[in-house]
Each structure stands twice: as structure tokens, then as C-alpha cells.
Amino acid sequence: MQQTKAEAEEIKWEKVVYDQVQNSQPQDDDEEDMVDARCEFCHYMDPEFANEDNDALDLHYIHKCLMLTTCKGCSKIVEISKYANHLVTECEERDFFKQCIRCQAVLPAGD
């Protein structure tokens, strides 16, 4: 099975994030600065994140963070681990989703 360019790029990005997390043990003096330069969801570190005057962290959340996704109902950025709950309780379009009583999977309300 051959990978698409998008799949190959995603695998490459996952490896970059994994390598960053594995190699990102801060030194004692720099610990507080490094926490500010780290994504709170995937722990990816980038010195640009600590600069409050740029949008690097927001752009990371929207486009690159592997722990976040865009809600198909309301277009908000949501943690993947909380996505199902978001769809049925918080989403502005929650009336279009239902949760299976057996497996807890979230499905379109028409199914």
C-alpha cells in the first residue's frame, strides 16, 4: 500500500513531535522559560511560543498540534480526547449528533 503525500507528511510530523518530546528535558535554570515555550497539549517545544507578541502558539494549535482537532459542527479547536463529549454537550450544533448508548460513539443524529 502506497502512502499519499499528506500521510507521509503527517507521519514525518508525528516523528518530529515524538523526537521533540523525547529530547525535551529542560535544565533547572531554564525550566520556567521552557514551560512557556511548550504546547500544553502535545508538549512540542518552540522558543517562538514564549513570545506573546506573535501568534506561533495559536497557529500551532490550529494547524499542527496532534492533540487538537477542529470540530466538524462548530469549527472550534477541541482536544481529541474530549471531542466526543464536546459534540454532544458543548457544540453549537449538538442537536445534529447523538451518542450510542451501547458503545458511547458519537453519530450523526439522522443515523
Protein backbone atom coordinates (compact mmCIF):
# COMPACT_ATOMS: atom_id res chain seq x y z
CA MET A 1 0.00 0.00 0.00
CA GLN A 2 1.47 3.33 -1.05
CA GLN A 3 1.23 6.39 1.19
CA THR A 4 -0.17 9.64 -0.06
CA LYS A 5 1.92 12.77 0.26
CA ALA A 6 -0.34 14.01 3.08
CA GLU A 7 0.02 10.73 5.00
CA ALA A 8 3.79 10.78 4.59
CA GLU A 9 3.90 14.40 5.79
CA GLU A 10 1.75 13.54 8.83
CA ILE A 11 4.00 10.60 9.74
CA LYS A 12 7.03 12.87 9.37
CA TRP A 13 5.42 15.48 11.64
CA GLU A 14 4.49 12.83 14.25
CA LYS A 15 8.13 11.71 14.34
CA VAL A 16 9.31 15.31 14.79
CA VAL A 17 6.90 15.79 17.69
CA TYR A 18 7.87 12.43 19.22
CA ASP A 19 11.58 13.28 18.95
CA GLN A 20 10.95 16.71 20.47
CA VAL A 21 9.08 15.22 23.43
CA GLN A 22 11.75 12.58 23.99
CA ASN A 23 14.60 15.10 23.84
CA SER A 24 12.99 17.98 25.68
CA GLN A 25 14.13 17.60 29.24
CA PRO A 26 14.70 21.21 30.44
CA GLN A 27 17.69 22.19 32.57
CA ASP A 28 17.00 23.56 36.07
CA ASP A 29 17.77 27.20 35.17
CA ASP A 30 15.70 27.17 32.01
CA GLU A 31 12.76 25.15 33.30
CA GLU A 32 10.31 28.06 33.64
CA ASP A 33 11.23 29.54 30.25
CA MET A 34 10.88 26.15 28.59
CA VAL A 35 7.42 25.61 30.08
CA ASP A 36 6.31 28.87 28.43
CA ALA A 37 7.74 27.66 25.12
CA ARG A 38 5.86 24.33 25.19
CA CYS A 39 2.45 23.36 23.84
CA GLU A 40 0.36 22.32 26.82
CA PHE A 41 -1.35 19.58 24.80
CA CYS A 42 1.41 17.80 22.84
CA HIS A 43 4.44 19.22 24.71
CA TYR A 44 6.12 20.32 21.47
CA MET A 45 8.74 22.93 22.30
CA ASP A 46 9.47 26.02 20.24
CA PRO A 47 11.11 29.21 21.57
CA GLU A 48 8.64 31.22 19.46
CA PHE A 49 5.79 30.02 21.71
CA ALA A 50 7.19 32.06 24.62
CA ASN A 51 6.92 35.30 22.62
CA GLU A 52 3.49 36.71 23.45
CA ASP A 53 3.70 39.22 20.60
CA ASN A 54 3.43 36.60 17.85
CA ASP A 55 0.80 34.01 17.02
CA ALA A 56 3.11 30.99 16.82
CA LEU A 57 1.35 29.06 19.57
CA ASP A 58 -2.12 29.79 18.20
CA LEU A 59 -1.01 28.72 14.73
CA HIS A 60 0.45 25.55 16.21
CA TYR A 61 -2.88 24.78 17.93
CA ILE A 62 -4.84 25.30 14.71
CA HIS A 63 -2.58 23.63 12.16
CA LYS A 64 -0.02 21.33 13.76
CA CYS A 65 -0.91 20.14 17.25
CA LEU A 66 -1.61 16.42 17.07
CA MET A 67 -3.69 16.51 20.25
CA LEU A 68 -6.24 19.02 18.91
CA THR A 69 -8.81 18.87 16.15
CA THR A 70 -11.33 21.22 14.57
CA CYS A 71 -14.93 20.41 15.46
CA LYS A 72 -16.94 19.42 12.39
CA GLY A 73 -20.03 21.03 13.93
CA CYS A 74 -18.92 24.42 15.21
CA SER A 75 -15.32 24.78 13.92
CA LYS A 76 -13.86 25.29 17.41
CA ILE A 77 -10.49 23.78 18.29
CA VAL A 78 -11.08 20.86 20.67
CA GLU A 79 -8.88 18.31 22.43
CA ILE A 80 -9.21 14.99 20.64
CA SER A 81 -9.67 13.19 23.95
CA LYS A 82 -12.71 15.37 24.71
CA TYR A 83 -14.13 15.59 21.18
CA ALA A 84 -16.97 13.09 21.59
CA ASN A 85 -18.17 14.79 24.77
CA HIS A 86 -17.89 18.18 23.07
CA LEU A 87 -20.10 17.06 20.17
CA VAL A 88 -22.99 16.01 22.41
CA THR A 89 -22.74 18.57 25.23
CA GLU A 90 -20.92 21.76 24.20
CA CYS A 91 -21.04 22.03 20.41
CA GLU A 92 -23.31 24.71 18.96
CA GLU A 93 -24.54 22.02 16.53
CA ARG A 94 -25.05 19.32 19.20
CA ASP A 95 -28.63 18.73 18.02
CA PHE A 96 -27.17 17.11 14.90
CA PHE A 97 -25.26 14.47 16.92
CA LYS A 98 -26.27 11.63 19.21
CA GLN A 99 -24.32 9.22 21.38
CA CYS A 100 -24.78 5.45 21.13
CA ILE A 101 -26.00 4.06 24.45
CA ARG A 102 -24.04 0.83 23.94
CA CYS A 103 -20.61 1.91 22.74
CA GLN A 104 -20.72 5.65 23.51
CA ALA A 105 -19.67 6.50 19.93
CA VAL A 106 -21.00 9.82 18.62
CA LEU A 107 -23.00 9.56 15.41
CA PRO A 108 -24.93 11.95 13.19
CA ALA A 109 -28.44 12.30 14.64
CA GLY A 110 -30.08 11.01 11.43
CA ASP A 111 -28.41 7.57 11.65
